[in-house]
Amino acid sequence: MEISVDSLETSAVTKAQLAELLFEQLGLNKRESKDMVDAFFDLIAARLVDGSDVKISGFGNFQIRTKAPRPGRNPRTGEAIAIDARRVVTFHASHKLKDQIQDDGKPSA
């Protein structure tokens, strides 16, 4: 089964657009579609908040990285400031996704 995203008007994909695609192409009702998309992203967010990595086969990995505190500088005033330690999310695309991007970007011979 292949889901077509030709109907997307912008380059950004929103949760509402994903729900609409589920409604149109899989036959779920609108409420179920919205709930499914919300549950998917809630699950990913909950895992990341817990400190777990999220791996989506064929797409990529979301990982939590802890950044150490470091000195910084206010670019407007030049004043030295301390940047607190924080956790950030990083994304690493899978080889399959990277290959798809490269294949689609090649000029035709």
C-alpha atoms as a PDB file:
ATOM      1  CA  MET A   1       0.000   0.000   0.000  1.00  0.00           C
ATOM      2  CA  GLU A   2       1.403   3.383  -0.965  1.00  0.00           C
ATOM      3  CA  ILE A   3       0.168   6.673   0.438  1.00  0.00           C
ATOM      4  CA  SER A   4       0.292   9.607  -1.936  1.00  0.00           C
ATOM      5  CA  VAL A   5       1.128  13.073  -0.635  1.00  0.00           C
ATOM      6  CA  ASP A   6       0.581  14.909  -3.917  1.00  0.00           C
ATOM      7  CA  SER A   7      -2.268  16.880  -2.357  1.00  0.00           C
ATOM      8  CA  LEU A   8       0.064  18.720   0.050  1.00  0.00           C
ATOM      9  CA  GLU A   9       0.095  22.435  -0.742  1.00  0.00           C
ATOM     10  CA  THR A  10       3.185  23.414   1.258  1.00  0.00           C
ATOM     11  CA  SER A  11       6.599  21.865   1.785  1.00  0.00           C
ATOM     12  CA  ALA A  12       5.850  21.377   5.507  1.00  0.00           C
ATOM     13  CA  VAL A  13       3.772  18.372   6.565  1.00  0.00           C
ATOM     14  CA  THR A  14       1.411  19.108   9.455  1.00  0.00           C
ATOM     15  CA  LYS A  15      -0.320  16.722  11.817  1.00  0.00           C
ATOM     16  CA  ALA A  16      -3.645  17.845  10.344  1.00  0.00           C
ATOM     17  CA  GLN A  17      -2.430  16.920   6.854  1.00  0.00           C
ATOM     18  CA  LEU A  18      -1.285  13.497   8.067  1.00  0.00           C
ATOM     19  CA  ALA A  19      -4.698  12.913   9.649  1.00  0.00           C
ATOM     20  CA  GLU A  20      -6.387  13.996   6.409  1.00  0.00           C
ATOM     21  CA  LEU A  21      -4.253  11.510   4.432  1.00  0.00           C
ATOM     22  CA  LEU A  22      -5.270   8.701   6.804  1.00  0.00           C
ATOM     23  CA  PHE A  23      -8.897   9.712   6.376  1.00  0.00           C
ATOM     24  CA  GLU A  24      -8.737   9.891   2.568  1.00  0.00           C
ATOM     25  CA  GLN A  25      -6.504   6.955   1.749  1.00  0.00           C
ATOM     26  CA  LEU A  26      -7.123   4.429   4.526  1.00  0.00           C
ATOM     27  CA  GLY A  27     -10.780   5.057   5.187  1.00  0.00           C
ATOM     28  CA  LEU A  28     -10.481   5.889   8.878  1.00  0.00           C
ATOM     29  CA  ASN A  29     -12.938   8.446  10.140  1.00  0.00           C
ATOM     30  CA  LYS A  30     -11.593  11.928  10.859  1.00  0.00           C
ATOM     31  CA  ARG A  31     -11.619  11.518  14.635  1.00  0.00           C
ATOM     32  CA  GLU A  32      -9.746   8.185  14.470  1.00  0.00           C
ATOM     33  CA  SER A  33      -7.223   9.681  12.044  1.00  0.00           C
ATOM     34  CA  LYS A  34      -6.526  12.657  14.313  1.00  0.00           C
ATOM     35  CA  ASP A  35      -6.283  10.417  17.390  1.00  0.00           C
ATOM     36  CA  MET A  36      -3.869   8.053  15.628  1.00  0.00           C
ATOM     37  CA  VAL A  37      -1.541  10.855  14.530  1.00  0.00           C
ATOM     38  CA  ASP A  38      -1.650  12.443  18.001  1.00  0.00           C
ATOM     39  CA  ALA A  39      -0.949   9.083  19.681  1.00  0.00           C
ATOM     40  CA  PHE A  40       2.026   8.471  17.374  1.00  0.00           C
ATOM     41  CA  PHE A  41       3.671  11.794  18.193  1.00  0.00           C
ATOM     42  CA  ASP A  42       2.753  11.570  21.892  1.00  0.00           C
ATOM     43  CA  LEU A  43       4.499   8.182  22.055  1.00  0.00           C
ATOM     44  CA  ILE A  44       7.647   9.545  20.398  1.00  0.00           C
ATOM     45  CA  ALA A  45       7.684  12.596  22.684  1.00  0.00           C
ATOM     46  CA  ALA A  46       7.140  10.490  25.821  1.00  0.00           C
ATOM     47  CA  ARG A  47      10.026   8.179  24.942  1.00  0.00           C
ATOM     48  CA  LEU A  48      12.340  11.108  24.285  1.00  0.00           C
ATOM     49  CA  VAL A  49      11.339  12.824  27.551  1.00  0.00           C
ATOM     50  CA  ASP A  50      12.155   9.557  29.366  1.00  0.00           C
ATOM     51  CA  GLY A  51      15.620   9.644  27.780  1.00  0.00           C
ATOM     52  CA  SER A  52      15.050   6.723  25.393  1.00  0.00           C
ATOM     53  CA  ASP A  53      16.086   6.781  21.755  1.00  0.00           C
ATOM     54  CA  VAL A  54      13.369   6.374  19.128  1.00  0.00           C
ATOM     55  CA  LYS A  55      14.230   4.274  16.078  1.00  0.00           C
ATOM     56  CA  ILE A  56      11.906   4.209  13.082  1.00  0.00           C
ATOM     57  CA  SER A  57      13.057   1.515  10.685  1.00  0.00           C
ATOM     58  CA  GLY A  58      13.763   2.833   7.205  1.00  0.00           C
ATOM     59  CA  PHE A  59      13.437   6.450   8.364  1.00  0.00           C
ATOM     60  CA  GLY A  60      15.933   7.280  11.109  1.00  0.00           C
ATOM     61  CA  ASN A  61      16.751   7.674  14.782  1.00  0.00           C
ATOM     62  CA  PHE A  62      15.807  10.392  17.246  1.00  0.00           C
ATOM     63  CA  GLN A  63      18.298  10.570  20.097  1.00  0.00           C
ATOM     64  CA  ILE A  64      18.575  12.579  23.288  1.00  0.00           C
ATOM     65  CA  ARG A  65      21.945  14.247  23.785  1.00  0.00           C
ATOM     66  CA  THR A  66      23.002  16.023  26.959  1.00  0.00           C
ATOM     67  CA  LYS A  67      25.015  19.166  26.297  1.00  0.00           C
ATOM     68  CA  ALA A  68      27.391  20.331  28.990  1.00  0.00           C
ATOM     69  CA  PRO A  69      27.281  23.864  30.406  1.00  0.00           C
ATOM     70  CA  ARG A  70      29.593  26.226  28.555  1.00  0.00           C
ATOM     71  CA  PRO A  71      30.586  29.853  28.382  1.00  0.00           C
ATOM     72  CA  GLY A  72      28.825  31.968  25.794  1.00  0.00           C
ATOM     73  CA  ARG A  73      28.606  35.555  24.675  1.00  0.00           C
ATOM     74  CA  ASN A  74      25.649  37.860  24.081  1.00  0.00           C
ATOM     75  CA  PRO A  75      26.091  38.777  20.399  1.00  0.00           C
ATOM     76  CA  ARG A  76      24.432  42.164  20.847  1.00  0.00           C
ATOM     77  CA  THR A  77      26.439  43.397  23.829  1.00  0.00           C
ATOM     78  CA  GLY A  78      29.493  41.124  23.792  1.00  0.00           C
ATOM     79  CA  GLU A  79      28.863  40.339  27.470  1.00  0.00           C
ATOM     80  CA  ALA A  80      30.018  36.892  28.653  1.00  0.00           C
ATOM     81  CA  ILE A  81      27.166  34.676  29.861  1.00  0.00           C
ATOM     82  CA  ALA A  82      26.907  31.097  31.098  1.00  0.00           C
ATOM     83  CA  ILE A  83      24.896  28.682  28.968  1.00  0.00           C
ATOM     84  CA  ASP A  84      23.260  26.053  31.173  1.00  0.00           C
ATOM     85  CA  ALA A  85      23.457  22.311  30.567  1.00  0.00           C
ATOM     86  CA  ARG A  86      20.519  21.055  28.536  1.00  0.00           C
ATOM     87  CA  ARG A  87      19.127  18.073  26.698  1.00  0.00           C
ATOM     88  CA  VAL A  88      18.534  18.291  22.958  1.00  0.00           C
ATOM     89  CA  VAL A  89      16.994  15.973  20.374  1.00  0.00           C
ATOM     90  CA  THR A  90      19.075  14.977  17.377  1.00  0.00           C
ATOM     91  CA  PHE A  91      17.909  13.152  14.266  1.00  0.00           C
ATOM     92  CA  HIS A  92      20.021  10.843  12.141  1.00  0.00           C
ATOM     93  CA  ALA A  93      18.492   9.672   8.872  1.00  0.00           C
ATOM     94  CA  SER A  94      18.696   5.972   8.023  1.00  0.00           C
ATOM     95  CA  HIS A  95      20.722   4.763   5.059  1.00  0.00           C
ATOM     96  CA  LYS A  96      17.467   3.887   3.264  1.00  0.00           C
ATOM     97  CA  LEU A  97      16.199   7.467   3.635  1.00  0.00           C
ATOM     98  CA  LYS A  98      19.559   8.915   2.594  1.00  0.00           C
ATOM     99  CA  ASP A  99      19.586   6.668  -0.485  1.00  0.00           C
ATOM    100  CA  GLN A 100      16.032   7.720  -1.416  1.00  0.00           C
ATOM    101  CA  ILE A 101      16.981  11.375  -1.122  1.00  0.00           C
ATOM    102  CA  GLN A 102      20.057  10.879  -3.289  1.00  0.00           C
ATOM    103  CA  ASP A 103      18.165   8.822  -5.904  1.00  0.00           C
ATOM    104  CA  ASP A 104      15.408  11.440  -6.215  1.00  0.00           C
ATOM    105  CA  GLY A 105      17.919  14.267  -6.463  1.00  0.00           C
ATOM    106  CA  LYS A 106      19.932  12.840  -9.358  1.00  0.00           C
ATOM    107  CA  PRO A 107      19.501  14.379 -12.779  1.00  0.00           C
ATOM    108  CA  SER A 108      18.029  11.971 -15.314  1.00  0.00           C
ATOM    109  CA  ALA A 109      20.419  10.666 -17.965  1.00  0.00           C
END
